[in-house]
C-alpha atoms as a PDB file:
ATOM      1  CA  MET A   1      -1.658   5.946  -2.380  1.00  0.00           C
ATOM      2  CA  SER A   2      -3.397   8.748  -0.448  1.00  0.00           C
ATOM      3  CA  VAL A   3      -6.676   7.878  -2.217  1.00  0.00           C
ATOM      4  CA  LEU A   4      -6.361   4.245  -1.166  1.00  0.00           C
ATOM      5  CA  VAL A   5      -5.600   5.228   2.439  1.00  0.00           C
ATOM      6  CA  HIS A   6      -8.553   7.611   2.506  1.00  0.00           C
ATOM      7  CA  LEU A   7     -10.986   5.025   1.107  1.00  0.00           C
ATOM      8  CA  THR A   8      -9.724   2.325   3.447  1.00  0.00           C
ATOM      9  CA  ASN A   9     -10.016   4.638   6.442  1.00  0.00           C
ATOM     10  CA  ARG A  10     -13.544   5.564   5.395  1.00  0.00           C
ATOM     11  CA  ASN A  11     -14.560   1.880   5.125  1.00  0.00           C
ATOM     12  CA  ASN A  12     -13.014   1.100   8.489  1.00  0.00           C
ATOM     13  CA  LYS A  13     -14.852   3.912  10.273  1.00  0.00           C
ATOM     14  CA  ILE A  14     -18.195   2.855   8.799  1.00  0.00           C
ATOM     15  CA  PHE A  15     -17.624  -0.750   9.856  1.00  0.00           C
ATOM     16  CA  ARG A  16     -16.741   0.154  13.445  1.00  0.00           C
ATOM     17  CA  ARG A  17     -19.877   2.283  13.754  1.00  0.00           C
ATOM     18  CA  ASP A  18     -22.169  -0.549  12.611  1.00  0.00           C
ATOM     19  CA  ARG A  19     -22.704  -2.955  15.507  1.00  0.00           C
ATOM     20  CA  THR A  20     -24.763  -5.328  13.345  1.00  0.00           C
ATOM     21  CA  LEU A  21     -21.835  -5.986  11.027  1.00  0.00           C
ATOM     22  CA  VAL A  22     -19.543  -6.580  13.996  1.00  0.00           C
ATOM     23  CA  LEU A  23     -21.990  -9.043  15.572  1.00  0.00           C
ATOM     24  CA  LEU A  24     -22.491 -10.913  12.293  1.00  0.00           C
ATOM     25  CA  SER A  25     -18.729 -11.259  11.887  1.00  0.00           C
ATOM     26  CA  LEU A  26     -18.430 -12.846  15.345  1.00  0.00           C
ATOM     27  CA  LEU A  27     -21.569 -15.009  15.241  1.00  0.00           C
ATOM     28  CA  SER A  28     -19.797 -18.203  14.193  1.00  0.00           C
ATOM     29  CA  VAL A  29     -17.199 -17.834  16.934  1.00  0.00           C
ATOM     30  CA  GLY A  30     -19.969 -18.022  19.531  1.00  0.00           C
ATOM     31  CA  ILE A  31     -21.464 -21.053  17.783  1.00  0.00           C
ATOM     32  CA  VAL A  32     -18.133 -22.909  17.865  1.00  0.00           C
ATOM     33  CA  ILE A  33     -17.567 -22.165  21.553  1.00  0.00           C
ATOM     34  CA  LEU A  34     -21.087 -23.320  22.427  1.00  0.00           C
ATOM     35  CA  LEU A  35     -20.854 -26.529  20.392  1.00  0.00           C
ATOM     36  CA  TYR A  36     -17.427 -27.285  21.811  1.00  0.00           C
ATOM     37  CA  ALA A  37     -18.522 -26.750  25.415  1.00  0.00           C
ATOM     38  CA  VAL A  38     -21.717 -28.786  25.060  1.00  0.00           C
ATOM     39  CA  PHE A  39     -20.745 -31.601  22.682  1.00  0.00           C
ATOM     40  CA  LEU A  40     -17.295 -31.663  21.125  1.00  0.00           C
ATOM     41  CA  GLN A  41     -14.970 -31.550  24.115  1.00  0.00           C
ATOM     42  CA  LYS A  42     -16.298 -34.630  25.894  1.00  0.00           C
ATOM     43  CA  THR A  43     -16.567 -36.597  22.645  1.00  0.00           C
ATOM     44  CA  GLN A  44     -12.959 -35.901  21.673  1.00  0.00           C
ATOM     45  CA  ILE A  45     -11.608 -36.552  25.164  1.00  0.00           C
ATOM     46  CA  ASP A  46     -13.453 -39.879  25.374  1.00  0.00           C
ATOM     47  CA  HIS A  47     -12.093 -40.888  21.966  1.00  0.00           C
ATOM     48  CA  VAL A  48      -8.457 -40.259  22.979  1.00  0.00           C
ATOM     49  CA  GLU A  49      -8.832 -41.762  26.447  1.00  0.00           C
ATOM     50  CA  GLN A  50      -9.937 -45.036  24.863  1.00  0.00           C
ATOM     51  CA  ILE A  51      -6.484 -45.188  23.260  1.00  0.00           C
ATOM     52  CA  VAL A  52      -4.093 -43.799  25.876  1.00  0.00           C
ATOM     53  CA  GLY A  53      -6.080 -43.382  29.106  1.00  0.00           C
ATOM     54  CA  SER A  54      -7.079 -40.293  31.041  1.00  0.00           C
ATOM     55  CA  SER A  55      -4.688 -37.398  31.755  1.00  0.00           C
ATOM     56  CA  GLN A  56      -4.538 -33.607  31.884  1.00  0.00           C
ATOM     57  CA  ALA A  57      -2.472 -33.646  28.694  1.00  0.00           C
ATOM     58  CA  VAL A  58      -5.425 -35.169  26.835  1.00  0.00           C
ATOM     59  CA  LYS A  59      -7.675 -32.250  27.788  1.00  0.00           C
ATOM     60  CA  SER A  60      -4.985 -29.767  26.793  1.00  0.00           C
ATOM     61  CA  MET A  61      -4.540 -31.435  23.427  1.00  0.00           C
ATOM     62  CA  VAL A  62      -8.273 -31.403  22.687  1.00  0.00           C
ATOM     63  CA  ASN A  63      -8.510 -27.743  23.732  1.00  0.00           C
ATOM     64  CA  GLU A  64      -5.669 -26.896  21.352  1.00  0.00           C
ATOM     65  CA  TRP A  65      -7.510 -28.707  18.557  1.00  0.00           C
ATOM     66  CA  MET A  66     -10.569 -26.543  19.210  1.00  0.00           C
ATOM     67  CA  VAL A  67      -8.511 -23.337  19.321  1.00  0.00           C
ATOM     68  CA  ALA A  68      -7.057 -24.116  15.874  1.00  0.00           C
ATOM     69  CA  GLY A  69     -10.564 -24.256  14.434  1.00  0.00           C
ATOM     70  CA  LEU A  70     -11.697 -21.195  16.350  1.00  0.00           C
ATOM     71  CA  LEU A  71      -8.853 -19.057  15.000  1.00  0.00           C
ATOM     72  CA  THR A  72      -9.692 -20.173  11.455  1.00  0.00           C
ATOM     73  CA  ILE A  73     -13.379 -19.356  11.779  1.00  0.00           C
ATOM     74  CA  THR A  74     -12.699 -15.979  13.403  1.00  0.00           C
ATOM     75  CA  ALA A  75     -10.651 -14.753  10.442  1.00  0.00           C
ATOM     76  CA  VAL A  76     -13.136 -15.958   7.828  1.00  0.00           C
ATOM     77  CA  THR A  77     -16.217 -14.470   9.488  1.00  0.00           C
ATOM     78  CA  SER A  78     -14.461 -11.227  10.456  1.00  0.00           C
ATOM     79  CA  THR A  79     -13.250 -10.506   6.931  1.00  0.00           C
ATOM     80  CA  LEU A  80     -16.661 -11.362   5.502  1.00  0.00           C
ATOM     81  CA  GLY A  81     -18.321  -8.981   7.948  1.00  0.00           C
ATOM     82  CA  ALA A  82     -15.963  -6.208   6.826  1.00  0.00           C
ATOM     83  CA  PHE A  83     -17.112  -6.661   3.229  1.00  0.00           C
ATOM     84  CA  GLY A  84     -20.593  -5.656   4.353  1.00  0.00           C
ATOM     85  CA  ILE A  85     -19.472  -2.074   3.648  1.00  0.00           C
ATOM     86  CA  MET A  86     -19.004  -2.992  -0.013  1.00  0.00           C
ATOM     87  CA  VAL A  87     -22.504  -4.461  -0.195  1.00  0.00           C
ATOM     88  CA  ARG A  88     -23.980  -1.371   1.444  1.00  0.00           C
ATOM     89  CA  ASP A  89     -22.191   0.885  -1.029  1.00  0.00           C
ATOM     90  CA  LYS A  90     -23.595  -1.121  -3.934  1.00  0.00           C
ATOM     91  CA  GLU A  91     -27.114  -1.082  -2.514  1.00  0.00           C
ATOM     92  CA  SER A  92     -27.039   2.679  -1.836  1.00  0.00           C
ATOM     93  CA  LYS A  93     -25.431   3.393  -5.258  1.00  0.00           C
ATOM     94  CA  LYS A  94     -22.372   4.956  -3.618  1.00  0.00           C
ATOM     95  CA  MET A  95     -20.280   2.474  -5.567  1.00  0.00           C
ATOM     96  CA  SER A  96     -21.529   4.089  -8.777  1.00  0.00           C
ATOM     97  CA  ASP A  97     -20.309   7.461  -7.492  1.00  0.00           C
ATOM     98  CA  PHE A  98     -16.861   6.002  -6.828  1.00  0.00           C
ATOM     99  CA  LEU A  99     -16.730   4.439 -10.298  1.00  0.00           C
ATOM    100  CA  ILE A 100     -17.429   7.687 -12.127  1.00  0.00           C
ATOM    101  CA  ALA A 101     -14.904   9.580 -10.008  1.00  0.00           C
ATOM    102  CA  PRO A 102     -11.300   9.889 -11.243  1.00  0.00           C
ATOM    103  CA  ILE A 103     -10.231   6.956  -9.076  1.00  0.00           C
ATOM    104  CA  SER A 104      -8.643   3.734 -10.261  1.00  0.00           C
ATOM    105  CA  ARG A 105     -11.036   0.796 -10.050  1.00  0.00           C
ATOM    106  CA  VAL A 106      -8.195  -1.269  -8.651  1.00  0.00           C
ATOM    107  CA  LYS A 107      -7.867   1.182  -5.740  1.00  0.00           C
ATOM    108  CA  ILE A 108     -11.625   1.112  -5.102  1.00  0.00           C
ATOM    109  CA  GLN A 109     -11.631  -2.677  -4.917  1.00  0.00           C
ATOM    110  CA  LEU A 110      -8.357  -2.792  -2.988  1.00  0.00           C
ATOM    111  CA  SER A 111      -9.698  -0.397  -0.341  1.00  0.00           C
ATOM    112  CA  TYR A 112     -12.373  -2.932   0.626  1.00  0.00           C
ATOM    113  CA  VAL A 113      -9.826  -5.764   0.658  1.00  0.00           C
ATOM    114  CA  VAL A 114      -7.317  -3.853   2.797  1.00  0.00           C
ATOM    115  CA  ASN A 115     -10.083  -2.872   5.225  1.00  0.00           C
ATOM    116  CA  ALA A 116     -11.203  -6.504   5.475  1.00  0.00           C
ATOM    117  CA  PHE A 117      -7.596  -7.606   6.018  1.00  0.00           C
ATOM    118  CA  ILE A 118      -7.055  -5.045   8.808  1.00  0.00           C
ATOM    119  CA  ILE A 119     -10.271  -5.993  10.605  1.00  0.00           C
ATOM    120  CA  GLY A 120      -9.667  -9.712  10.151  1.00  0.00           C
ATOM    121  CA  LEU A 121      -6.082  -9.417  11.394  1.00  0.00           C
ATOM    122  CA  PHE A 122      -7.079  -7.359  14.434  1.00  0.00           C
ATOM    123  CA  ASN A 123      -9.884  -9.750  15.418  1.00  0.00           C
ATOM    124  CA  SER A 124      -7.627 -12.755  14.855  1.00  0.00           C
ATOM    125  CA  LEU A 125      -4.893 -11.334  17.068  1.00  0.00           C
ATOM    126  CA  VAL A 126      -7.430 -10.576  19.803  1.00  0.00           C
ATOM    127  CA  ALA A 127      -8.760 -14.123  19.433  1.00  0.00           C
ATOM    128  CA  LEU A 128      -5.200 -15.496  19.641  1.00  0.00           C
ATOM    129  CA  ILE A 129      -4.570 -13.656  22.908  1.00  0.00           C
ATOM    130  CA  GLY A 130      -7.875 -14.872  24.347  1.00  0.00           C
ATOM    131  CA  CYS A 131      -7.283 -18.441  23.193  1.00  0.00           C
ATOM    132  CA  GLU A 132      -3.731 -18.502  24.575  1.00  0.00           C
ATOM    133  CA  LEU A 133      -4.998 -17.314  27.953  1.00  0.00           C
ATOM    134  CA  PHE A 134      -7.685 -20.004  27.850  1.00  0.00           C
ATOM    135  CA  LEU A 135      -5.104 -22.689  27.058  1.00  0.00           C
ATOM    136  CA  LEU A 136      -2.799 -21.538  29.850  1.00  0.00           C
ATOM    137  CA  LEU A 137      -5.659 -21.519  32.366  1.00  0.00           C
ATOM    138  CA  THR A 138      -6.693 -25.043  31.336  1.00  0.00           C
ATOM    139  CA  GLY A 139      -3.221 -26.531  31.735  1.00  0.00           C
ATOM    140  CA  SER A 140      -1.523 -26.153  28.349  1.00  0.00           C
ATOM    141  CA  ALA A 141       2.068 -24.960  28.098  1.00  0.00           C
ATOM    142  CA  MET A 142       2.818 -21.482  26.798  1.00  0.00           C
ATOM    143  CA  LEU A 143       3.719 -21.273  23.123  1.00  0.00           C
ATOM    144  CA  SER A 144       7.429 -21.072  22.468  1.00  0.00           C
ATOM    145  CA  LEU A 145       8.707 -17.998  20.633  1.00  0.00           C
ATOM    146  CA  VAL A 146       9.298 -20.053  17.485  1.00  0.00           C
ATOM    147  CA  ASN A 147       5.788 -21.528  17.519  1.00  0.00           C
ATOM    148  CA  LEU A 148       4.279 -18.134  18.304  1.00  0.00           C
ATOM    149  CA  MET A 149       5.974 -16.672  15.228  1.00  0.00           C
ATOM    150  CA  LYS A 150       4.653 -19.597  13.183  1.00  0.00           C
ATOM    151  CA  VAL A 151       1.117 -18.974  14.441  1.00  0.00           C
ATOM    152  CA  LEU A 152       1.366 -15.268  13.591  1.00  0.00           C
ATOM    153  CA  GLY A 153       2.577 -16.141  10.101  1.00  0.00           C
ATOM    154  CA  ILE A 154      -0.305 -18.585   9.633  1.00  0.00           C
ATOM    155  CA  ILE A 155      -2.774 -15.920  10.800  1.00  0.00           C
ATOM    156  CA  ILE A 156      -1.465 -13.470   8.183  1.00  0.00           C
ATOM    157  CA  LEU A 157      -1.802 -16.142   5.481  1.00  0.00           C
ATOM    158  CA  LEU A 158      -5.282 -17.011   6.716  1.00  0.00           C
ATOM    159  CA  VAL A 159      -6.577 -13.433   6.779  1.00  0.00           C
ATOM    160  CA  ALA A 160      -5.192 -12.775   3.284  1.00  0.00           C
ATOM    161  CA  LEU A 161      -6.795 -15.961   1.922  1.00  0.00           C
ATOM    162  CA  ALA A 162     -10.113 -15.281   3.663  1.00  0.00           C
ATOM    163  CA  SER A 163     -10.148 -11.721   2.282  1.00  0.00           C
ATOM    164  CA  ALA A 164      -9.573 -13.007  -1.266  1.00  0.00           C
ATOM    165  CA  ILE A 165     -12.304 -15.661  -1.024  1.00  0.00           C
ATOM    166  CA  ASN A 166     -14.861 -13.374   0.607  1.00  0.00           C
ATOM    167  CA  LEU A 167     -14.214 -10.632  -1.947  1.00  0.00           C
ATOM    168  CA  LEU A 168     -15.235 -12.991  -4.744  1.00  0.00           C
ATOM    169  CA  LEU A 169     -18.362 -14.083  -2.864  1.00  0.00           C
ATOM    170  CA  VAL A 170     -19.456 -10.522  -2.093  1.00  0.00           C
ATOM    171  CA  LEU A 171     -19.085  -9.427  -5.720  1.00  0.00           C
ATOM    172  CA  PHE A 172     -22.275 -11.390  -6.430  1.00  0.00           C
ATOM    173  CA  ILE A 173     -24.193  -9.893  -3.484  1.00  0.00           C
ATOM    174  CA  HIS A 174     -26.095  -6.638  -4.007  1.00  0.00           C
ATOM    175  CA  SER A 175     -28.327  -6.189  -0.948  1.00  0.00           C
ATOM    176  CA  GLN A 176     -28.058  -6.302   2.834  1.00  0.00           C
ATOM    177  CA  ASN A 177     -30.651  -9.080   3.043  1.00  0.00           C
ATOM    178  CA  ALA A 178     -28.646 -11.247   0.673  1.00  0.00           C
ATOM    179  CA  PHE A 179     -25.470 -10.427   2.596  1.00  0.00           C
ATOM    180  CA  SER A 180     -27.057 -11.504   5.892  1.00  0.00           C
ATOM    181  CA  THR A 181     -28.029 -14.803   4.274  1.00  0.00           C
ATOM    182  CA  LEU A 182     -24.507 -15.255   2.922  1.00  0.00           C
ATOM    183  CA  SER A 183     -23.018 -14.511   6.358  1.00  0.00           C
ATOM    184  CA  THR A 184     -25.249 -17.160   7.930  1.00  0.00           C
ATOM    185  CA  ILE A 185     -24.349 -19.756   5.291  1.00  0.00           C
ATOM    186  CA  VAL A 186     -20.610 -19.068   5.487  1.00  0.00           C
ATOM    187  CA  GLY A 187     -20.630 -18.894   9.284  1.00  0.00           C
ATOM    188  CA  THR A 188     -22.371 -22.246   9.541  1.00  0.00           C
ATOM    189  CA  SER A 189     -20.556 -24.104   6.765  1.00  0.00           C
ATOM    190  CA  ILE A 190     -17.002 -22.947   7.524  1.00  0.00           C
ATOM    191  CA  GLY A 191     -16.917 -25.079  10.676  1.00  0.00           C
ATOM    192  CA  PHE A 192     -17.783 -28.197   8.678  1.00  0.00           C
ATOM    193  CA  LEU A 193     -15.444 -27.331   5.803  1.00  0.00           C
ATOM    194  CA  CYS A 194     -12.544 -26.975   8.240  1.00  0.00           C
ATOM    195  CA  GLY A 195     -13.359 -30.138  10.186  1.00  0.00           C
ATOM    196  CA  VAL A 196     -14.227 -28.255  13.384  1.00  0.00           C
ATOM    197  CA  TYR A 197     -17.811 -29.309  14.118  1.00  0.00           C
ATOM    198  CA  VAL A 198     -17.208 -32.910  13.053  1.00  0.00           C
ATOM    199  CA  PRO A 199     -13.703 -34.479  12.863  1.00  0.00           C
ATOM    200  CA  ILE A 200     -12.792 -35.164   9.275  1.00  0.00           C
ATOM    201  CA  GLY A 201     -12.198 -38.841  10.011  1.00  0.00           C
ATOM    202  CA  SER A 202     -15.851 -39.289  10.971  1.00  0.00           C
ATOM    203  CA  LEU A 203     -17.102 -38.113   7.571  1.00  0.00           C
ATOM    204  CA  PRO A 204     -17.643 -40.113   4.344  1.00  0.00           C
ATOM    205  CA  ASN A 205     -14.682 -40.292   1.966  1.00  0.00           C
ATOM    206  CA  ALA A 206     -16.308 -37.975  -0.587  1.00  0.00           C
ATOM    207  CA  VAL A 207     -16.825 -35.280   2.048  1.00  0.00           C
ATOM    208  CA  GLN A 208     -13.277 -35.753   3.324  1.00  0.00           C
ATOM    209  CA  HIS A 209     -11.910 -35.088  -0.152  1.00  0.00           C
ATOM    210  CA  LEU A 210     -14.120 -32.010  -0.494  1.00  0.00           C
ATOM    211  CA  ILE A 211     -12.693 -30.626   2.753  1.00  0.00           C
ATOM    212  CA  MET A 212      -9.103 -31.401   1.728  1.00  0.00           C
ATOM    213  CA  TYR A 213      -9.547 -29.466  -1.530  1.00  0.00           C
ATOM    214  CA  PHE A 214     -10.948 -26.469   0.354  1.00  0.00           C
ATOM    215  CA  PRO A 215      -7.890 -24.196   0.845  1.00  0.00           C
ATOM    216  CA  VAL A 216      -8.989 -22.676   4.176  1.00  0.00           C
ATOM    217  CA  SER A 217      -9.024 -26.143   5.744  1.00  0.00           C
ATOM    218  CA  HIS A 218      -5.261 -26.343   5.188  1.00  0.00           C
ATOM    219  CA  ILE A 219      -4.929 -23.344   7.503  1.00  0.00           C
ATOM    220  CA  SER A 220      -6.614 -25.368  10.257  1.00  0.00           C
ATOM    221  CA  VAL A 221      -4.129 -28.162   9.593  1.00  0.00           C
ATOM    222  CA  LEU A 222      -1.184 -25.771   9.981  1.00  0.00           C
ATOM    223  CA  PHE A 223      -2.614 -24.382  13.228  1.00  0.00           C
ATOM    224  CA  ARG A 224      -3.134 -27.885  14.630  1.00  0.00           C
ATOM    225  CA  GLN A 225       0.366 -29.009  13.755  1.00  0.00           C
ATOM    226  CA  VAL A 226       1.887 -26.060  15.614  1.00  0.00           C
ATOM    227  CA  LEU A 227      -0.483 -25.813  18.575  1.00  0.00           C
ATOM    228  CA  MET A 228      -0.739 -29.556  19.231  1.00  0.00           C
ATOM    229  CA  GLU A 229       2.886 -30.466  18.605  1.00  0.00           C
ATOM    230  CA  ASP A 230       3.993 -30.830  22.243  1.00  0.00           C
ATOM    231  CA  SER A 231       0.738 -32.214  23.639  1.00  0.00           C
ATOM    232  CA  ILE A 232       0.516 -34.975  21.026  1.00  0.00           C
ATOM    233  CA  GLN A 233       4.026 -36.104  21.938  1.00  0.00           C
ATOM    234  CA  LYS A 234       3.077 -36.219  25.642  1.00  0.00           C
ATOM    235  CA  VAL A 235      -0.255 -37.948  25.159  1.00  0.00           C
ATOM    236  CA  PHE A 236       0.993 -40.578  22.696  1.00  0.00           C
ATOM    237  CA  GLN A 237       4.496 -41.094  24.098  1.00  0.00           C
ATOM    238  CA  HIS A 238       3.767 -44.771  24.780  1.00  0.00           C
ATOM    239  CA  ALA A 239       1.480 -45.362  21.816  1.00  0.00           C
ATOM    240  CA  ARG A 240       2.404 -47.134  18.603  1.00  0.00           C
ATOM    241  CA  PRO A 241       3.275 -44.905  15.586  1.00  0.00           C
ATOM    242  CA  GLU A 242       0.267 -46.197  13.656  1.00  0.00           C
ATOM    243  CA  GLN A 243      -2.033 -45.140  16.512  1.00  0.00           C
ATOM    244  CA  VAL A 244      -0.568 -41.631  16.470  1.00  0.00           C
ATOM    245  CA  LEU A 245      -0.989 -41.373  12.695  1.00  0.00           C
ATOM    246  CA  GLU A 246      -4.545 -42.704  12.898  1.00  0.00           C
ATOM    247  CA  TYR A 247      -5.438 -40.059  15.463  1.00  0.00           C
ATOM    248  CA  LYS A 248      -3.834 -37.266  13.409  1.00  0.00           C
ATOM    249  CA  LEU A 249      -5.729 -38.328  10.297  1.00  0.00           C
ATOM    250  CA  HIS A 250      -9.005 -38.611  12.209  1.00  0.00           C
ATOM    251  CA  LEU A 251      -8.719 -35.134  13.732  1.00  0.00           C
ATOM    252  CA  GLY A 252      -7.293 -33.457  10.633  1.00  0.00           C
ATOM    253  CA  VAL A 253      -3.878 -32.744  12.116  1.00  0.00           C
ATOM    254  CA  VAL A 254      -2.468 -34.105   8.856  1.00  0.00           C
ATOM    255  CA  TYR A 255      -4.117 -34.741   5.493  1.00  0.00           C
ATOM    256  CA  LYS A 256      -3.661 -37.768   3.278  1.00  0.00           C
ATOM    257  CA  MET A 257      -4.483 -37.215  -0.389  1.00  0.00           C
ATOM    258  CA  ASN A 258      -3.955 -39.844  -3.104  1.00  0.00           C
ATOM    259  CA  ASN A 259      -2.311 -42.081  -0.487  1.00  0.00           C
ATOM    260  CA  GLN A 260       0.293 -39.382   0.237  1.00  0.00           C
ATOM    261  CA  LEU A 261       0.625 -37.411   3.473  1.00  0.00           C
ATOM    262  CA  ILE A 262       0.488 -33.659   2.847  1.00  0.00           C
ATOM    263  CA  ASN A 263       3.461 -31.918   4.440  1.00  0.00           C
ATOM    264  CA  TYR A 264       3.638 -28.433   5.936  1.00  0.00           C
ATOM    265  CA  SER A 265       5.161 -26.714   2.894  1.00  0.00           C
ATOM    266  CA  THR A 266       2.657 -28.274   0.477  1.00  0.00           C
ATOM    267  CA  SER A 267      -0.249 -26.866   2.493  1.00  0.00           C
ATOM    268  CA  ILE A 268       1.363 -23.414   2.388  1.00  0.00           C
ATOM    269  CA  TRP A 269       1.720 -23.598  -1.399  1.00  0.00           C
ATOM    270  CA  ILE A 270      -1.913 -24.676  -1.755  1.00  0.00           C
ATOM    271  CA  ILE A 271      -2.945 -21.636   0.296  1.00  0.00           C
ATOM    272  CA  ILE A 272      -0.775 -19.175  -1.662  1.00  0.00           C
ATOM    273  CA  ILE A 273      -1.811 -20.471  -5.098  1.00  0.00           C
ATOM    274  CA  SER A 274      -5.487 -20.464  -4.093  1.00  0.00           C
ATOM    275  CA  MET A 275      -5.197 -16.887  -2.838  1.00  0.00           C
ATOM    276  CA  ILE A 276      -3.659 -15.720  -6.131  1.00  0.00           C
ATOM    277  CA  LEU A 277      -6.392 -17.475  -8.123  1.00  0.00           C
ATOM    278  CA  PHE A 278      -9.213 -15.944  -6.075  1.00  0.00           C
ATOM    279  CA  ILE A 279      -7.704 -12.467  -6.410  1.00  0.00           C
ATOM    280  CA  ALA A 280      -7.311 -12.853 -10.186  1.00  0.00           C
ATOM    281  CA  VAL A 281     -10.888 -14.092 -10.653  1.00  0.00           C
ATOM    282  CA  SER A 282     -12.199 -11.290  -8.415  1.00  0.00           C
ATOM    283  CA  MET A 283     -10.418  -8.624 -10.451  1.00  0.00           C
ATOM    284  CA  VAL A 284     -11.806  -9.992 -13.722  1.00  0.00           C
ATOM    285  CA  THR A 285     -15.310 -10.283 -12.253  1.00  0.00           C
ATOM    286  CA  PHE A 286     -15.257  -6.759 -10.791  1.00  0.00           C
ATOM    287  CA  ASN A 287     -14.160  -5.254 -14.125  1.00  0.00           C
ATOM    288  CA  LYS A 288     -16.862  -7.146 -16.027  1.00  0.00           C
ATOM    289  CA  GLN A 289     -19.558  -6.042 -13.573  1.00  0.00           C
ATOM    290  CA  ASN A 290     -18.525  -2.379 -13.800  1.00  0.00           C
ATOM    291  CA  LYS A 291     -17.762  -1.776 -17.447  1.00  0.00           C
END
């Protein structure tokens, strides 16, 4: 255990000293905020106001929808940025030194994962505090203790899943240039794959199904269901049930697969099973690459 702690601490110190890695991990967050401020907010508000009319609750609800996507993207890009240490070690051949040392290969791989989890969790919690302050300042109600605990639980699930997925991706990257390209691709595509840049209901059916089968997108769904719970009830209190469901499906607050609505627990199981699969494949891949 002391070896794992030492390796994780070493990875964490290197990451915090490298400003480039930190900036790359936060790049997509800035993109989302910019797109939301310039394009998405007005479009979403106009769409809802056509159904229920104008009110402060509408703006709060749309802001909460954006925050759900922002929290998702923050965790994914932060954990990926943390894995830059692994790429650097491979490029500089330090990984080879670790592999010939009397250290378990599981501990070597786990040290990068734990470091990514710590950094992703820290950045996500900072983002949560910032987002909650933003929501309060723009008229949203403060999260109840129960919903806050739900959000924290979702963040832990998200960071663990993002760490597992990014580990598998980084195993095939062997240079800093390739890692920078991967960071750009992931940072750009994650917003689309989670239905943040474009609402899922505005996309073709084939793309909608692709998003629904992407496990990280189910995290966004869980965030939206918790964050938007009260505001949706206020905004649509006089609307017909079918209008409420149509809006939820359009914005990705709920998913409908094979003509069945996906409930909260099903999304959690999809996330957990996906995380286990990614970890298993990563372990097999790492062992094959370093025989």
